[in-house]
Protein backbone atom coordinates (compact mmCIF):
# COMPACT_ATOMS: atom_id res chain seq x y z
CA UNK A 1 34.92 117.97 97.58
CA UNK A 2 34.45 119.03 101.17
CA UNK A 3 36.72 121.41 103.02
CA UNK A 4 38.20 118.57 105.07
CA UNK A 5 38.99 116.53 101.93
CA UNK A 6 40.65 119.56 100.27
CA UNK A 7 42.82 120.17 103.34
CA UNK A 8 43.84 116.49 103.42
CA UNK A 9 44.68 116.46 99.70
CA UNK A 10 46.85 119.63 100.08
CA UNK A 11 48.61 118.00 103.01
CA UNK A 12 49.28 114.79 101.05
CA UNK A 13 50.52 116.73 98.00
CA UNK A 14 52.78 118.82 100.25
CA UNK A 15 54.23 115.69 101.87
CA UNK A 16 54.84 114.14 98.44
CA UNK A 17 56.65 117.27 97.20
CA UNK A 18 58.72 117.43 100.41
CA UNK A 19 59.65 113.75 100.09
CA UNK A 20 60.75 114.19 96.47
CA UNK A 21 62.83 117.26 97.40
CA UNK A 22 64.49 115.37 100.27
CA UNK A 23 65.28 112.40 98.00
CA UNK A 24 66.81 114.66 95.33
CA UNK A 25 68.89 116.49 97.94
CA UNK A 26 70.21 113.27 99.45
CA UNK A 27 71.12 111.81 96.05
CA UNK A 28 72.96 115.03 95.10
CA UNK A 29 74.87 115.02 98.39
CA UNK A 30 75.91 111.41 97.97
CA UNK A 31 77.72 112.29 94.75
CA UNK A 32 79.76 114.97 96.52
CA UNK A 33 80.66 113.04 99.70
CA UNK A 34 84.35 112.29 100.06
CA UNK A 35 85.34 109.58 102.53
CA UNK A 36 88.64 109.47 104.43
CA UNK A 37 90.66 106.26 104.66
CA UNK A 38 94.04 105.26 106.03
CA UNK A 39 96.12 103.08 103.66
CA UNK A 40 95.12 99.97 105.67
CA UNK A 41 91.41 100.83 105.43
CA UNK A 42 91.75 101.68 101.75
CA UNK A 43 93.10 98.21 100.99
CA UNK A 44 90.62 96.42 103.27
CA UNK A 45 87.51 98.18 101.93
CA UNK A 46 88.37 97.68 98.24
CA UNK A 47 87.23 101.18 97.24
CA UNK A 48 85.93 101.13 93.65
CA UNK A 49 87.88 102.88 90.90
CA UNK A 50 86.56 106.28 89.93
CA UNK A 51 85.20 107.09 93.39
CA UNK A 52 86.57 110.26 94.96
CA UNK A 53 88.16 109.49 98.35
CA UNK A 54 90.73 110.90 100.74
CA UNK A 55 93.69 108.93 101.98
CA UNK A 56 95.82 110.16 104.85
CA UNK A 57 98.88 109.25 106.83
CA UNK A 58 102.57 110.09 106.80
CA UNK A 59 104.75 110.63 103.75
CA UNK A 60 107.07 107.62 103.76
CA UNK A 61 110.75 108.63 104.12
CA UNK A 62 112.74 108.11 100.91
CA UNK A 63 109.65 107.73 98.73
CA UNK A 64 109.43 111.16 97.09
CA UNK A 65 110.45 111.37 93.43
CA UNK A 66 109.83 114.13 90.92
CA UNK A 67 109.76 113.72 87.13
CA UNK A 68 108.03 115.45 84.20
CA UNK A 69 105.82 117.69 86.35
CA UNK A 70 104.68 114.73 88.44
CA UNK A 71 105.44 113.97 92.06
CA UNK A 72 105.32 110.37 93.24
CA UNK A 73 105.38 109.41 96.91
CA UNK A 74 103.99 106.86 99.34
CA UNK A 75 101.53 107.57 102.16
CA UNK A 76 101.75 105.17 105.09
CA UNK A 77 100.05 104.48 108.38
CA UNK A 78 103.07 102.31 109.33
CA UNK A 79 101.12 99.12 108.65
CA UNK A 80 100.36 99.60 104.93
CA UNK A 81 101.33 102.16 102.31
CA UNK A 82 99.74 103.45 99.12
CA UNK A 83 101.53 104.91 96.09
CA UNK A 84 100.37 108.43 95.23
CA UNK A 85 100.90 110.40 92.01
CA UNK A 86 100.21 114.14 92.00
CA UNK A 87 100.45 116.80 89.29
CA UNK A 88 100.54 120.32 90.60
CA UNK A 89 102.06 122.56 93.22
CA UNK A 90 102.66 120.83 96.54
CA UNK A 91 102.15 122.70 99.82
CA UNK A 92 105.29 124.38 101.18
CA UNK A 93 105.24 122.15 104.27
CA UNK A 94 105.09 118.90 102.27
CA UNK A 95 108.08 116.67 103.13
CA UNK A 96 109.05 113.17 104.27
CA UNK A 97 107.60 112.07 107.60
CA UNK A 98 104.95 114.80 107.41
CA UNK A 99 101.23 114.17 107.93
CA UNK A 100 99.22 114.57 104.71
CA UNK A 101 95.72 114.05 103.37
CA UNK A 102 95.41 113.41 99.62
CA UNK A 103 92.12 113.64 97.75
CA UNK A 104 91.65 111.78 94.48
CA UNK A 105 90.86 108.39 92.94
CA UNK A 106 92.43 104.97 92.68
CA UNK A 107 93.53 104.07 89.15
CA UNK A 108 93.26 100.69 87.42
CA UNK A 109 96.92 100.06 88.31
CA UNK A 110 96.21 100.52 92.05
CA UNK A 111 98.02 103.87 92.21
CA UNK A 112 96.21 106.72 93.95
CA UNK A 113 95.92 109.71 91.59
CA UNK A 114 95.65 112.78 93.82
CA UNK A 115 93.88 115.94 92.72
CA UNK A 116 94.70 117.75 95.97
CA UNK A 117 97.37 117.32 98.64
CA UNK A 118 97.01 118.88 102.09
CA UNK A 119 99.93 119.02 104.55
CA UNK A 120 99.82 119.90 108.21
CA UNK A 121 100.14 123.65 108.49
CA UNK A 122 102.09 124.18 111.69
CA UNK A 123 103.81 122.37 114.53
CA UNK A 124 100.64 121.87 116.59
CA UNK A 125 98.14 120.67 114.01
CA UNK A 126 97.45 117.42 112.23
CA UNK A 127 94.12 116.56 110.58
CA UNK A 128 91.84 114.65 112.98
CA UNK A 129 91.53 111.77 110.51
CA UNK A 130 95.32 111.34 110.34
CA UNK A 131 95.60 111.43 114.15
CA UNK A 132 92.87 108.78 114.44
CA UNK A 133 94.56 106.57 111.82
CA UNK A 134 97.94 106.91 113.57
CA UNK A 135 96.36 106.06 116.94
CA UNK A 136 94.81 102.92 115.43
CA UNK A 137 98.18 101.85 114.03
CA UNK A 138 99.99 102.45 117.34
CA UNK A 139 102.32 105.09 115.83
CA UNK A 140 100.73 108.06 117.66
CA UNK A 141 102.43 109.34 120.78
CA UNK A 142 100.21 111.58 122.89
CA UNK A 143 102.76 114.34 123.43
CA UNK A 144 103.68 114.48 119.72
CA UNK A 145 101.19 117.16 118.57
CA UNK A 146 98.01 118.76 119.77
CA UNK A 147 94.64 118.71 118.06
C-alpha cells in the first residue's frame, strides 16, 4: 500500500467513526427531547401516549381539586383545556389563573400525568412558550407582563 492510499484509508475510517458517533449522539438526544405544546396544539398533533412532553397555559379558575395526595387541575389556552393530574409538592406560586408549564405524559384516558409543574416565579416573568401560546389564542395583552 502506498503512502497516499494509507492516508486515504485513514481519512475514510476517520469519517466513518465520526459519522457513527454523530448518529449515536443524535439518537440519544432524540430520546431526551421534550416538546412544548399548548392544549390546542396537544389535541391537534395527537401526541402519542408514553412520550414525554410539556404542556403550558393558564390554570383554569375553579378547576383545582386535591384528594389522596393528588392534585387535579385543568390547563387552558382559552380555546382548549387539558386535564392534569400531579402527585407531589406544587410550587408556592401555583394558583388559579396562573401561568404554568407541566412536564409529563398523556395517559390512555386522555389525562395528562405531570411529573413536574413549573409556575411563573414573579410578577414580571412568564415562560416564553406560555406567552407565545397566549398570543396565538388572543388572550395575551402586551402590558400584562414582561419577558
